[in-house]
Amino acid sequence: MDKLAAADLMSLEQYARERPAFRARVLEHKRERQLAVGPHATWCFEDRMTVQYQVQEMLRAERIFESDGIAEELTVYNPLIPDGRNWKVTLLLEYDPSERPAALAGLKGIEDRCWMQVAGHGRVYAIADEDLERENAEKTSAVHFLRFELDAAMIAGLKDGAALAAGVDHENYRHAVDPLPAAQRRALLADLA
């Protein structure tokens, strides 16, 4: 997928006018790009539209309109756009506030135990948090950024109709979705070259 450029973005004024309709389109689009893996992990598969929405929202919230600031936001968010050979995922670990500290303490390393699997091929484990470390000695973060790299045979298999599964095999959190629902599979297939 092509990365975003400043010319692809709406000005703050235009975005203020178009935000309700754009937001509704993005939320509908995201519905098929989100996957619950167990009761506490939500995977949000990013693409050009989801990233554009995030950039537009950051520009709006921070009132950024100068070219240097826009370029900086694009530098931060463009790496979340898949390149045709991978999927980029925002992993959200969602717990009630009273449970969160203990849960995150017990889930250290979970980001490295997330996997996807094309039927007939081995599991592909996530490459996690390439931008910065999101774990410390006490706990993991509630948000991680994952990348799943696929080889040509896996992509060909998916295009030929192979099933797709996703899961987590952390010692304190083992859940899988096998196979992915048809709508999610279709949305993810569109990300591949």
N, C-alpha and C. Protein backbone atom coordinates (compact mmCIF):
# COMPACT_ATOMS: atom_id res chain seq x y z
N MET A 1 0.84 -1.18 0.00
CA MET A 1 0.00 0.00 0.00
C MET A 1 0.88 1.24 0.00
N ASP A 2 0.42 2.25 -0.68
CA ASP A 2 1.16 3.50 -0.72
C ASP A 2 1.11 4.17 0.65
N LYS A 3 2.22 4.78 1.00
CA LYS A 3 2.27 5.56 2.24
C LYS A 3 1.53 6.87 2.01
N LEU A 4 1.13 7.51 3.08
CA LEU A 4 0.44 8.79 3.00
C LEU A 4 1.44 9.92 2.79
N ALA A 5 1.03 10.91 2.03
CA ALA A 5 1.80 12.14 1.84
C ALA A 5 0.92 13.29 2.31
N ALA A 6 1.53 14.44 2.53
CA ALA A 6 0.78 15.61 2.99
C ALA A 6 -0.37 15.93 2.04
N ALA A 7 -0.17 15.72 0.76
CA ALA A 7 -1.21 16.02 -0.23
C ALA A 7 -2.44 15.11 -0.08
N ASP A 8 -2.29 13.99 0.60
CA ASP A 8 -3.41 13.06 0.81
C ASP A 8 -4.31 13.49 1.98
N LEU A 9 -3.84 14.44 2.75
CA LEU A 9 -4.55 14.84 3.96
C LEU A 9 -5.45 16.06 3.71
N MET A 10 -6.50 16.16 4.50
CA MET A 10 -7.38 17.32 4.44
C MET A 10 -6.80 18.43 5.32
N SER A 11 -7.02 19.66 4.92
CA SER A 11 -6.65 20.79 5.79
C SER A 11 -7.50 20.71 7.05
N LEU A 12 -7.12 21.44 8.09
CA LEU A 12 -7.91 21.44 9.32
C LEU A 12 -9.34 21.91 9.06
N GLU A 13 -9.47 22.92 8.21
CA GLU A 13 -10.81 23.44 7.91
C GLU A 13 -11.65 22.40 7.16
N GLN A 14 -11.06 21.78 6.15
CA GLN A 14 -11.78 20.76 5.39
C GLN A 14 -12.12 19.58 6.28
N TYR A 15 -11.19 19.18 7.13
CA TYR A 15 -11.44 18.05 8.01
C TYR A 15 -12.56 18.36 9.00
N ALA A 16 -12.62 19.58 9.49
CA ALA A 16 -13.70 19.98 10.39
C ALA A 16 -15.06 19.79 9.71
N ARG A 17 -15.14 20.12 8.42
CA ARG A 17 -16.40 19.96 7.68
C ARG A 17 -16.71 18.49 7.41
N GLU A 18 -15.70 17.73 7.03
CA GLU A 18 -15.90 16.36 6.56
C GLU A 18 -15.74 15.29 7.64
N ARG A 19 -15.31 15.70 8.83
CA ARG A 19 -15.01 14.74 9.89
C ARG A 19 -16.16 13.79 10.22
N PRO A 20 -17.40 14.26 10.41
CA PRO A 20 -18.46 13.30 10.77
C PRO A 20 -18.64 12.19 9.73
N ALA A 21 -18.66 12.57 8.46
CA ALA A 21 -18.86 11.55 7.41
C ALA A 21 -17.63 10.65 7.28
N PHE A 22 -16.43 11.24 7.36
CA PHE A 22 -15.20 10.45 7.26
C PHE A 22 -15.10 9.49 8.44
N ARG A 23 -15.39 9.99 9.63
CA ARG A 23 -15.34 9.17 10.84
C ARG A 23 -16.30 7.98 10.73
N ALA A 24 -17.50 8.22 10.23
CA ALA A 24 -18.48 7.14 10.07
C ALA A 24 -17.96 6.08 9.09
N ARG A 25 -17.34 6.53 7.98
CA ARG A 25 -16.77 5.58 7.01
C ARG A 25 -15.65 4.76 7.64
N VAL A 26 -14.79 5.42 8.40
CA VAL A 26 -13.66 4.74 9.03
C VAL A 26 -14.15 3.72 10.06
N LEU A 27 -15.12 4.10 10.88
CA LEU A 27 -15.63 3.17 11.89
C LEU A 27 -16.26 1.94 11.24
N GLU A 28 -16.97 2.14 10.15
CA GLU A 28 -17.54 1.00 9.42
C GLU A 28 -16.41 0.14 8.84
N HIS A 29 -15.41 0.78 8.28
CA HIS A 29 -14.25 0.09 7.70
C HIS A 29 -13.51 -0.72 8.78
N LYS A 30 -13.35 -0.13 9.96
CA LYS A 30 -12.63 -0.80 11.05
C LYS A 30 -13.36 -2.03 11.58
N ARG A 31 -14.67 -2.05 11.42
CA ARG A 31 -15.46 -3.17 11.96
C ARG A 31 -14.95 -4.51 11.43
N GLU A 32 -14.55 -4.54 10.17
CA GLU A 32 -14.05 -5.78 9.58
C GLU A 32 -12.54 -5.94 9.76
N ARG A 33 -11.92 -5.00 10.43
CA ARG A 33 -10.47 -5.04 10.63
C ARG A 33 -10.11 -5.23 12.10
N GLN A 34 -11.10 -5.51 12.93
CA GLN A 34 -10.86 -5.75 14.34
C GLN A 34 -11.17 -7.20 14.66
N LEU A 35 -10.36 -7.76 15.53
CA LEU A 35 -10.51 -9.17 15.88
C LEU A 35 -10.30 -9.33 17.39
N ALA A 36 -11.29 -9.91 18.05
CA ALA A 36 -11.15 -10.23 19.47
C ALA A 36 -10.47 -11.59 19.55
N VAL A 37 -9.30 -11.62 20.19
CA VAL A 37 -8.59 -12.87 20.41
C VAL A 37 -8.67 -13.13 21.92
N GLY A 38 -9.68 -13.87 22.31
CA GLY A 38 -9.95 -14.07 23.72
C GLY A 38 -10.70 -12.86 24.28
N PRO A 39 -10.93 -12.87 25.59
CA PRO A 39 -11.76 -11.83 26.20
C PRO A 39 -11.08 -10.49 26.43
N HIS A 40 -9.74 -10.44 26.34
CA HIS A 40 -9.05 -9.20 26.72
C HIS A 40 -8.10 -8.65 25.67
N ALA A 41 -7.98 -9.29 24.52
CA ALA A 41 -7.05 -8.82 23.48
C ALA A 41 -7.83 -8.48 22.21
N THR A 42 -7.72 -7.24 21.79
CA THR A 42 -8.32 -6.81 20.53
C THR A 42 -7.19 -6.45 19.58
N TRP A 43 -7.25 -7.03 18.39
CA TRP A 43 -6.28 -6.74 17.34
C TRP A 43 -6.95 -5.82 16.34
N CYS A 44 -6.33 -4.67 16.09
CA CYS A 44 -6.83 -3.71 15.10
C CYS A 44 -5.86 -3.72 13.94
N PHE A 45 -6.29 -4.28 12.81
CA PHE A 45 -5.44 -4.37 11.63
C PHE A 45 -5.46 -3.02 10.92
N GLU A 46 -4.29 -2.41 10.86
CA GLU A 46 -4.19 -1.07 10.28
C GLU A 46 -4.06 -1.13 8.76
N ASP A 47 -4.48 -0.07 8.12
CA ASP A 47 -4.27 0.11 6.68
C ASP A 47 -4.23 1.61 6.40
N ARG A 48 -4.20 1.95 5.15
CA ARG A 48 -4.04 3.36 4.77
C ARG A 48 -5.18 4.22 5.34
N MET A 49 -6.41 3.72 5.29
CA MET A 49 -7.54 4.52 5.78
C MET A 49 -7.48 4.70 7.29
N THR A 50 -7.18 3.64 8.04
CA THR A 50 -7.13 3.76 9.50
C THR A 50 -6.00 4.69 9.92
N VAL A 51 -4.89 4.64 9.20
CA VAL A 51 -3.77 5.51 9.52
C VAL A 51 -4.09 6.96 9.15
N GLN A 52 -4.74 7.17 8.01
CA GLN A 52 -5.12 8.54 7.66
C GLN A 52 -6.03 9.13 8.73
N TYR A 53 -6.97 8.34 9.19
CA TYR A 53 -7.87 8.81 10.25
C TYR A 53 -7.07 9.21 11.50
N GLN A 54 -6.12 8.36 11.90
CA GLN A 54 -5.32 8.66 13.09
C GLN A 54 -4.52 9.94 12.90
N VAL A 55 -3.92 10.10 11.73
CA VAL A 55 -3.14 11.32 11.46
C VAL A 55 -4.05 12.54 11.48
N GLN A 56 -5.21 12.45 10.79
CA GLN A 56 -6.12 13.59 10.77
C GLN A 56 -6.56 13.96 12.18
N GLU A 57 -6.83 12.95 13.00
CA GLU A 57 -7.25 13.22 14.38
C GLU A 57 -6.13 13.87 15.19
N MET A 58 -4.89 13.41 14.98
CA MET A 58 -3.76 14.03 15.70
C MET A 58 -3.57 15.49 15.26
N LEU A 59 -3.64 15.73 13.96
CA LEU A 59 -3.50 17.10 13.47
C LEU A 59 -4.59 17.98 14.06
N ARG A 60 -5.80 17.47 14.10
CA ARG A 60 -6.93 18.22 14.66
C ARG A 60 -6.72 18.50 16.15
N ALA A 61 -6.39 17.45 16.90
CA ALA A 61 -6.25 17.59 18.36
C ALA A 61 -5.12 18.54 18.73
N GLU A 62 -4.03 18.47 17.99
CA GLU A 62 -2.85 19.28 18.29
C GLU A 62 -2.83 20.60 17.53
N ARG A 63 -3.85 20.81 16.68
CA ARG A 63 -3.93 22.03 15.85
C ARG A 63 -2.66 22.22 15.01
N ILE A 64 -2.23 21.14 14.39
CA ILE A 64 -1.03 21.16 13.55
C ILE A 64 -1.43 21.47 12.12
N PHE A 65 -0.84 22.53 11.58
CA PHE A 65 -1.13 22.89 10.20
C PHE A 65 0.12 23.25 9.41
N GLU A 66 1.25 23.35 10.08
CA GLU A 66 2.50 23.68 9.38
C GLU A 66 3.12 22.41 8.81
N SER A 67 3.81 22.57 7.69
CA SER A 67 4.32 21.41 6.95
C SER A 67 5.28 20.55 7.77
N ASP A 68 6.12 21.15 8.61
CA ASP A 68 7.04 20.36 9.42
C ASP A 68 6.30 19.46 10.41
N GLY A 69 5.27 19.99 11.04
CA GLY A 69 4.48 19.21 11.97
C GLY A 69 3.72 18.09 11.29
N ILE A 70 3.18 18.37 10.11
CA ILE A 70 2.47 17.35 9.34
C ILE A 70 3.44 16.24 8.94
N ALA A 71 4.62 16.63 8.47
CA ALA A 71 5.64 15.65 8.07
C ALA A 71 6.03 14.77 9.25
N GLU A 72 6.12 15.36 10.43
CA GLU A 72 6.48 14.60 11.62
C GLU A 72 5.41 13.54 11.95
N GLU A 73 4.14 13.92 11.86
CA GLU A 73 3.06 12.96 12.11
C GLU A 73 3.07 11.83 11.08
N LEU A 74 3.32 12.18 9.82
CA LEU A 74 3.39 11.15 8.78
C LEU A 74 4.55 10.19 9.03
N THR A 75 5.67 10.71 9.50
CA THR A 75 6.83 9.86 9.82
C THR A 75 6.49 8.88 10.94
N VAL A 76 5.71 9.33 11.91
CA VAL A 76 5.33 8.48 13.03
C VAL A 76 4.33 7.40 12.60
N TYR A 77 3.34 7.77 11.80
CA TYR A 77 2.22 6.86 11.52
C TYR A 77 2.36 6.05 10.23
N ASN A 78 3.10 6.52 9.25
CA ASN A 78 3.21 5.76 7.99
C ASN A 78 3.74 4.33 8.18
N PRO A 79 4.62 4.06 9.14
CA PRO A 79 5.07 2.68 9.32
C PRO A 79 3.96 1.70 9.69
N LEU A 80 2.78 2.19 10.07
CA LEU A 80 1.67 1.30 10.41
C LEU A 80 0.90 0.83 9.18
N ILE A 81 1.24 1.33 8.00
CA ILE A 81 0.56 0.92 6.78
C ILE A 81 1.25 -0.33 6.24
N PRO A 82 0.50 -1.41 6.03
CA PRO A 82 1.13 -2.63 5.49
C PRO A 82 1.67 -2.40 4.09
N ASP A 83 2.66 -3.22 3.70
CA ASP A 83 3.33 -2.99 2.40
C ASP A 83 3.02 -4.05 1.36
N GLY A 84 2.00 -4.88 1.60
CA GLY A 84 1.63 -5.89 0.62
C GLY A 84 2.16 -7.28 0.96
N ARG A 85 3.09 -7.36 1.91
CA ARG A 85 3.67 -8.65 2.33
C ARG A 85 3.44 -8.90 3.82
N ASN A 86 2.71 -7.99 4.46
CA ASN A 86 2.56 -8.11 5.90
C ASN A 86 1.26 -7.49 6.37
N TRP A 87 0.97 -7.72 7.63
CA TRP A 87 -0.13 -7.04 8.31
C TRP A 87 0.47 -6.28 9.48
N LYS A 88 -0.06 -5.10 9.73
CA LYS A 88 0.35 -4.28 10.86
C LYS A 88 -0.85 -4.20 11.80
N VAL A 89 -0.60 -4.45 13.07
CA VAL A 89 -1.68 -4.60 14.05
C VAL A 89 -1.40 -3.75 15.28
N THR A 90 -2.42 -3.06 15.74
CA THR A 90 -2.37 -2.44 17.06
C THR A 90 -3.05 -3.43 18.01
N LEU A 91 -2.29 -3.92 18.97
CA LEU A 91 -2.79 -4.87 19.97
C LEU A 91 -3.21 -4.08 21.20
N LEU A 92 -4.47 -4.24 21.58
CA LEU A 92 -5.00 -3.58 22.78
C LEU A 92 -5.32 -4.65 23.82
N LEU A 93 -4.73 -4.51 25.00
CA LEU A 93 -5.02 -5.42 26.12
C LEU A 93 -5.99 -4.67 27.03
N GLU A 94 -7.22 -5.17 27.09
CA GLU A 94 -8.30 -4.42 27.72
C GLU A 94 -8.80 -5.13 28.98
N TYR A 95 -8.60 -4.45 30.10
CA TYR A 95 -9.03 -4.95 31.41
C TYR A 95 -9.69 -3.83 32.18
N ASP A 96 -10.56 -4.21 33.11
CA ASP A 96 -11.12 -3.21 34.02
C ASP A 96 -9.96 -2.57 34.78
N PRO A 97 -10.09 -1.28 35.11
CA PRO A 97 -8.99 -0.59 35.81
C PRO A 97 -8.54 -1.31 37.09
N SER A 98 -9.46 -1.92 37.80
CA SER A 98 -9.07 -2.60 39.04
C SER A 98 -8.24 -3.86 38.77
N GLU A 99 -8.41 -4.47 37.61
CA GLU A 99 -7.68 -5.70 37.25
C GLU A 99 -6.41 -5.43 36.47
N ARG A 100 -6.33 -4.26 35.84
CA ARG A 100 -5.28 -3.98 34.86
C ARG A 100 -3.86 -4.16 35.40
N PRO A 101 -3.47 -3.59 36.55
CA PRO A 101 -2.07 -3.73 36.99
C PRO A 101 -1.63 -5.19 37.14
N ALA A 102 -2.43 -6.01 37.79
CA ALA A 102 -2.06 -7.42 37.99
C ALA A 102 -2.05 -8.16 36.65
N ALA A 103 -3.03 -7.89 35.81
CA ALA A 103 -3.10 -8.57 34.51
C ALA A 103 -1.89 -8.25 33.66
N LEU A 104 -1.54 -6.97 33.56
CA LEU A 104 -0.39 -6.59 32.74
C LEU A 104 0.93 -7.09 33.32
N ALA A 105 1.00 -7.23 34.63
CA ALA A 105 2.20 -7.80 35.25
C ALA A 105 2.36 -9.27 34.84
N GLY A 106 1.25 -9.97 34.69
CA GLY A 106 1.31 -11.38 34.32
C GLY A 106 1.41 -11.64 32.83
N LEU A 107 1.38 -10.57 32.02
CA LEU A 107 1.40 -10.74 30.57
C LEU A 107 2.67 -10.23 29.91
N LYS A 108 3.73 -10.08 30.69
CA LYS A 108 4.99 -9.64 30.10
C LYS A 108 5.37 -10.60 28.97
N GLY A 109 5.74 -10.03 27.83
CA GLY A 109 6.15 -10.83 26.69
C GLY A 109 5.02 -11.27 25.79
N ILE A 110 3.79 -10.90 26.10
CA ILE A 110 2.65 -11.35 25.30
C ILE A 110 2.77 -10.91 23.84
N GLU A 111 3.35 -9.75 23.62
CA GLU A 111 3.45 -9.23 22.25
C GLU A 111 4.28 -10.15 21.34
N ASP A 112 5.19 -10.90 21.91
CA ASP A 112 6.02 -11.82 21.13
C ASP A 112 5.36 -13.19 20.95
N ARG A 113 4.22 -13.41 21.59
CA ARG A 113 3.54 -14.70 21.52
C ARG A 113 2.26 -14.64 20.69
N CYS A 114 2.06 -13.52 19.99
CA CYS A 114 0.92 -13.39 19.09
C CYS A 114 1.30 -13.99 17.74
N TRP A 115 0.38 -14.73 17.14
CA TRP A 115 0.70 -15.43 15.89
C TRP A 115 -0.48 -15.38 14.92
N MET A 116 -0.12 -15.58 13.65
CA MET A 116 -1.11 -15.80 12.60
C MET A 116 -0.66 -17.02 11.83
N GLN A 117 -1.63 -17.72 11.23
CA GLN A 117 -1.28 -18.94 10.51
C GLN A 117 -2.20 -19.13 9.30
N VAL A 118 -1.56 -19.28 8.16
CA VAL A 118 -2.26 -19.65 6.93
C VAL A 118 -2.32 -21.17 6.92
N ALA A 119 -3.49 -21.72 6.66
CA ALA A 119 -3.64 -23.18 6.64
C ALA A 119 -2.59 -23.81 5.72
N GLY A 120 -1.92 -24.85 6.22
CA GLY A 120 -0.89 -25.53 5.46
C GLY A 120 0.50 -24.96 5.66
N HIS A 121 0.62 -23.93 6.48
CA HIS A 121 1.92 -23.28 6.74
C HIS A 121 2.11 -23.15 8.25
N GLY A 122 3.33 -22.89 8.65
CA GLY A 122 3.63 -22.70 10.06
C GLY A 122 3.13 -21.37 10.57
N ARG A 123 3.10 -21.24 11.87
CA ARG A 123 2.70 -19.98 12.49
C ARG A 123 3.72 -18.89 12.18
N VAL A 124 3.22 -17.68 12.03
CA VAL A 124 4.06 -16.49 11.89
C VAL A 124 3.88 -15.70 13.18
N TYR A 125 4.97 -15.56 13.94
CA TYR A 125 4.90 -14.79 15.19
C TYR A 125 5.19 -13.33 14.91
N ALA A 126 4.59 -12.49 15.73
CA ALA A 126 4.69 -11.04 15.54
C ALA A 126 6.10 -10.54 15.77
N ILE A 127 6.46 -9.55 14.99
CA ILE A 127 7.62 -8.70 15.26
C ILE A 127 7.01 -7.51 15.97
N ALA A 128 7.39 -7.31 17.22
CA ALA A 128 6.66 -6.37 18.07
C ALA A 128 7.44 -5.12 18.42
N ASP A 129 6.70 -4.03 18.53
CA ASP A 129 7.19 -2.78 19.10
C ASP A 129 8.52 -2.33 18.52
N GLU A 130 8.56 -2.22 17.22
CA GLU A 130 9.80 -1.81 16.55
C GLU A 130 10.13 -0.35 16.81
N ASP A 131 9.15 0.44 17.21
CA ASP A 131 9.39 1.86 17.43
C ASP A 131 10.02 2.14 18.79
N LEU A 132 9.58 1.43 19.84
CA LEU A 132 10.14 1.62 21.17
C LEU A 132 9.71 0.48 22.08
N GLU A 133 10.44 0.29 23.14
CA GLU A 133 10.15 -0.77 24.11
C GLU A 133 8.89 -0.38 24.88
N ARG A 134 7.95 -1.31 25.00
CA ARG A 134 6.69 -1.02 25.68
C ARG A 134 6.50 -1.91 26.91
N GLU A 135 7.58 -2.40 27.43
CA GLU A 135 7.52 -3.28 28.59
C GLU A 135 8.61 -2.84 29.56
N ASN A 136 8.35 -2.99 30.85
CA ASN A 136 9.40 -2.70 31.83
C ASN A 136 9.51 -3.88 32.79
N ALA A 137 10.27 -3.73 33.84
CA ALA A 137 10.51 -4.85 34.76
C ALA A 137 9.24 -5.31 35.47
N GLU A 138 8.26 -4.42 35.61
CA GLU A 138 7.05 -4.77 36.36
C GLU A 138 5.91 -5.29 35.50
N LYS A 139 5.78 -4.75 34.26
CA LYS A 139 4.58 -5.08 33.49
C LYS A 139 4.79 -4.82 32.00
N THR A 140 3.84 -5.32 31.23
CA THR A 140 3.80 -4.99 29.82
C THR A 140 2.87 -3.80 29.63
N SER A 141 2.89 -3.23 28.47
CA SER A 141 2.00 -2.12 28.14
C SER A 141 0.63 -2.65 27.73
N ALA A 142 -0.38 -1.82 27.81
CA ALA A 142 -1.72 -2.19 27.35
C ALA A 142 -1.85 -2.04 25.83
N VAL A 143 -0.85 -1.41 25.18
CA VAL A 143 -0.88 -1.20 23.73
C VAL A 143 0.46 -1.65 23.15
N HIS A 144 0.39 -2.45 22.08
CA HIS A 144 1.60 -2.87 21.36
C HIS A 144 1.33 -2.75 19.87
N PHE A 145 2.41 -2.59 19.12
CA PHE A 145 2.32 -2.55 17.66
C PHE A 145 3.03 -3.78 17.11
N LEU A 146 2.31 -4.55 16.29
CA LEU A 146 2.79 -5.83 15.79
C LEU A 146 2.88 -5.80 14.27
N ARG A 147 3.83 -6.59 13.76
CA ARG A 147 3.95 -6.78 12.31
C ARG A 147 4.06 -8.28 12.07
N PHE A 148 3.25 -8.77 11.13
CA PHE A 148 3.28 -10.17 10.74
C PHE A 148 3.75 -10.25 9.29
N GLU A 149 4.92 -10.83 9.06
CA GLU A 149 5.49 -10.95 7.72
C GLU A 149 5.10 -12.28 7.09
N LEU A 150 4.60 -12.23 5.87
CA LEU A 150 4.17 -13.43 5.16
C LEU A 150 5.10 -13.69 3.98
N ASP A 151 5.33 -14.96 3.67
CA ASP A 151 6.13 -15.26 2.48
C ASP A 151 5.20 -15.44 1.28
N ALA A 152 5.79 -15.56 0.10
CA ALA A 152 5.01 -15.63 -1.14
C ALA A 152 4.07 -16.83 -1.15
N ALA A 153 4.51 -17.96 -0.60
CA ALA A 153 3.66 -19.16 -0.59
C ALA A 153 2.43 -18.96 0.30
N MET A 154 2.59 -18.28 1.41
CA MET A 154 1.46 -18.01 2.29
C MET A 154 0.45 -17.09 1.60
N ILE A 155 0.96 -16.05 0.96
CA ILE A 155 0.07 -15.12 0.25
C ILE A 155 -0.67 -15.85 -0.86
N ALA A 156 0.04 -16.69 -1.61
CA ALA A 156 -0.60 -17.46 -2.69
C ALA A 156 -1.67 -18.38 -2.11
N GLY A 157 -1.37 -19.01 -0.99
CA GLY A 157 -2.34 -19.89 -0.36
C GLY A 157 -3.61 -19.15 0.04
N LEU A 158 -3.44 -17.97 0.62
CA LEU A 158 -4.60 -17.17 1.00
C LEU A 158 -5.43 -16.78 -0.22
N LYS A 159 -4.74 -16.40 -1.30
CA LYS A 159 -5.45 -16.01 -2.52
C LYS A 159 -6.17 -17.20 -3.15
N ASP A 160 -5.68 -18.41 -2.86
CA ASP A 160 -6.32 -19.63 -3.37
C ASP A 160 -7.41 -20.15 -2.41
N GLY A 161 -7.66 -19.43 -1.33
CA GLY A 161 -8.75 -19.80 -0.43
C GLY A 161 -8.37 -20.44 0.88
N ALA A 162 -7.08 -20.53 1.19
CA ALA A 162 -6.66 -21.14 2.45
C ALA A 162 -7.24 -20.39 3.64
N ALA A 163 -7.58 -21.13 4.68
CA ALA A 163 -8.09 -20.53 5.91
C ALA A 163 -6.99 -19.77 6.63
N LEU A 164 -7.39 -18.86 7.47
CA LEU A 164 -6.46 -18.04 8.24
C LEU A 164 -6.87 -18.09 9.70
N ALA A 165 -5.88 -18.24 10.58
CA ALA A 165 -6.12 -18.28 12.02
C ALA A 165 -5.22 -17.27 12.71
N ALA A 166 -5.61 -16.89 13.91
CA ALA A 166 -4.81 -15.96 14.71
C ALA A 166 -4.91 -16.39 16.17
N GLY A 167 -3.88 -16.08 16.93
CA GLY A 167 -3.94 -16.46 18.33
C GLY A 167 -2.81 -15.90 19.16
N VAL A 168 -2.87 -16.24 20.43
CA VAL A 168 -1.85 -15.86 21.41
C VAL A 168 -1.54 -17.12 22.20
N ASP A 169 -0.24 -17.43 22.35
CA ASP A 169 0.11 -18.62 23.14
C ASP A 169 1.02 -18.27 24.31
N HIS A 170 0.70 -17.17 24.98
CA HIS A 170 1.40 -16.78 26.21
C HIS A 170 0.96 -17.69 27.35
N GLU A 171 1.87 -17.99 28.26
CA GLU A 171 1.55 -18.92 29.34
C GLU A 171 0.33 -18.49 30.17
N ASN A 172 0.05 -17.19 30.25
CA ASN A 172 -1.09 -16.71 31.03
C ASN A 172 -2.26 -16.24 30.16
N TYR A 173 -2.13 -16.46 28.86
CA TYR A 173 -3.22 -16.03 27.96
C TYR A 173 -3.12 -16.84 26.68
N ARG A 174 -3.92 -17.88 26.60
CA ARG A 174 -3.94 -18.75 25.41
C ARG A 174 -5.32 -18.73 24.79
N HIS A 175 -5.40 -18.10 23.63
CA HIS A 175 -6.67 -18.00 22.91
C HIS A 175 -6.36 -17.99 21.42
N ALA A 176 -7.31 -18.51 20.65
CA ALA A 176 -7.15 -18.50 19.19
C ALA A 176 -8.49 -18.28 18.53
N VAL A 177 -8.43 -17.75 17.32
CA VAL A 177 -9.59 -17.62 16.45
C VAL A 177 -9.23 -18.44 15.21
N ASP A 178 -9.91 -19.58 15.04
CA ASP A 178 -9.54 -20.50 13.97
C ASP A 178 -10.79 -21.15 13.40
N PRO A 179 -11.18 -20.76 12.21
CA PRO A 179 -10.57 -19.76 11.34
C PRO A 179 -11.11 -18.36 11.61
N LEU A 180 -10.45 -17.36 11.02
CA LEU A 180 -10.97 -16.01 11.10
C LEU A 180 -12.30 -15.95 10.36
N PRO A 181 -13.21 -15.12 10.83
CA PRO A 181 -14.48 -14.94 10.10
C PRO A 181 -14.22 -14.44 8.68
N ALA A 182 -15.13 -14.77 7.79
CA ALA A 182 -14.97 -14.45 6.37
C ALA A 182 -14.75 -12.96 6.13
N ALA A 183 -15.47 -12.11 6.85
CA ALA A 183 -15.34 -10.66 6.63
C ALA A 183 -13.92 -10.18 6.97
N GLN A 184 -13.36 -10.64 8.08
CA GLN A 184 -12.00 -10.24 8.45
C GLN A 184 -10.99 -10.81 7.46
N ARG A 185 -11.19 -12.04 7.07
CA ARG A 185 -10.26 -12.66 6.11
C ARG A 185 -10.24 -11.86 4.80
N ARG A 186 -11.43 -11.48 4.31
CA ARG A 186 -11.52 -10.68 3.07
C ARG A 186 -10.80 -9.34 3.24
N ALA A 187 -11.02 -8.67 4.36
CA ALA A 187 -10.39 -7.37 4.59
C ALA A 187 -8.87 -7.50 4.61
N LEU A 188 -8.36 -8.54 5.25
CA LEU A 188 -6.91 -8.73 5.33
C LEU A 188 -6.31 -9.16 4.00
N LEU A 189 -7.05 -9.92 3.24
CA LEU A 189 -6.58 -10.32 1.92
C LEU A 189 -6.36 -9.11 1.02
N ALA A 190 -7.21 -8.10 1.19
CA ALA A 190 -7.07 -6.87 0.39
C ALA A 190 -5.76 -6.13 0.68
N ASP A 191 -5.13 -6.41 1.82
CA ASP A 191 -3.86 -5.76 2.16
C ASP A 191 -2.66 -6.38 1.47
N LEU A 192 -2.85 -7.53 0.85
CA LEU A 192 -1.72 -8.27 0.30
C LEU A 192 -1.58 -8.01 -1.20
N ALA A 193 -0.31 -7.96 -1.65
CA ALA A 193 -0.04 -7.72 -3.07
C ALA A 193 -0.24 -8.99 -3.88
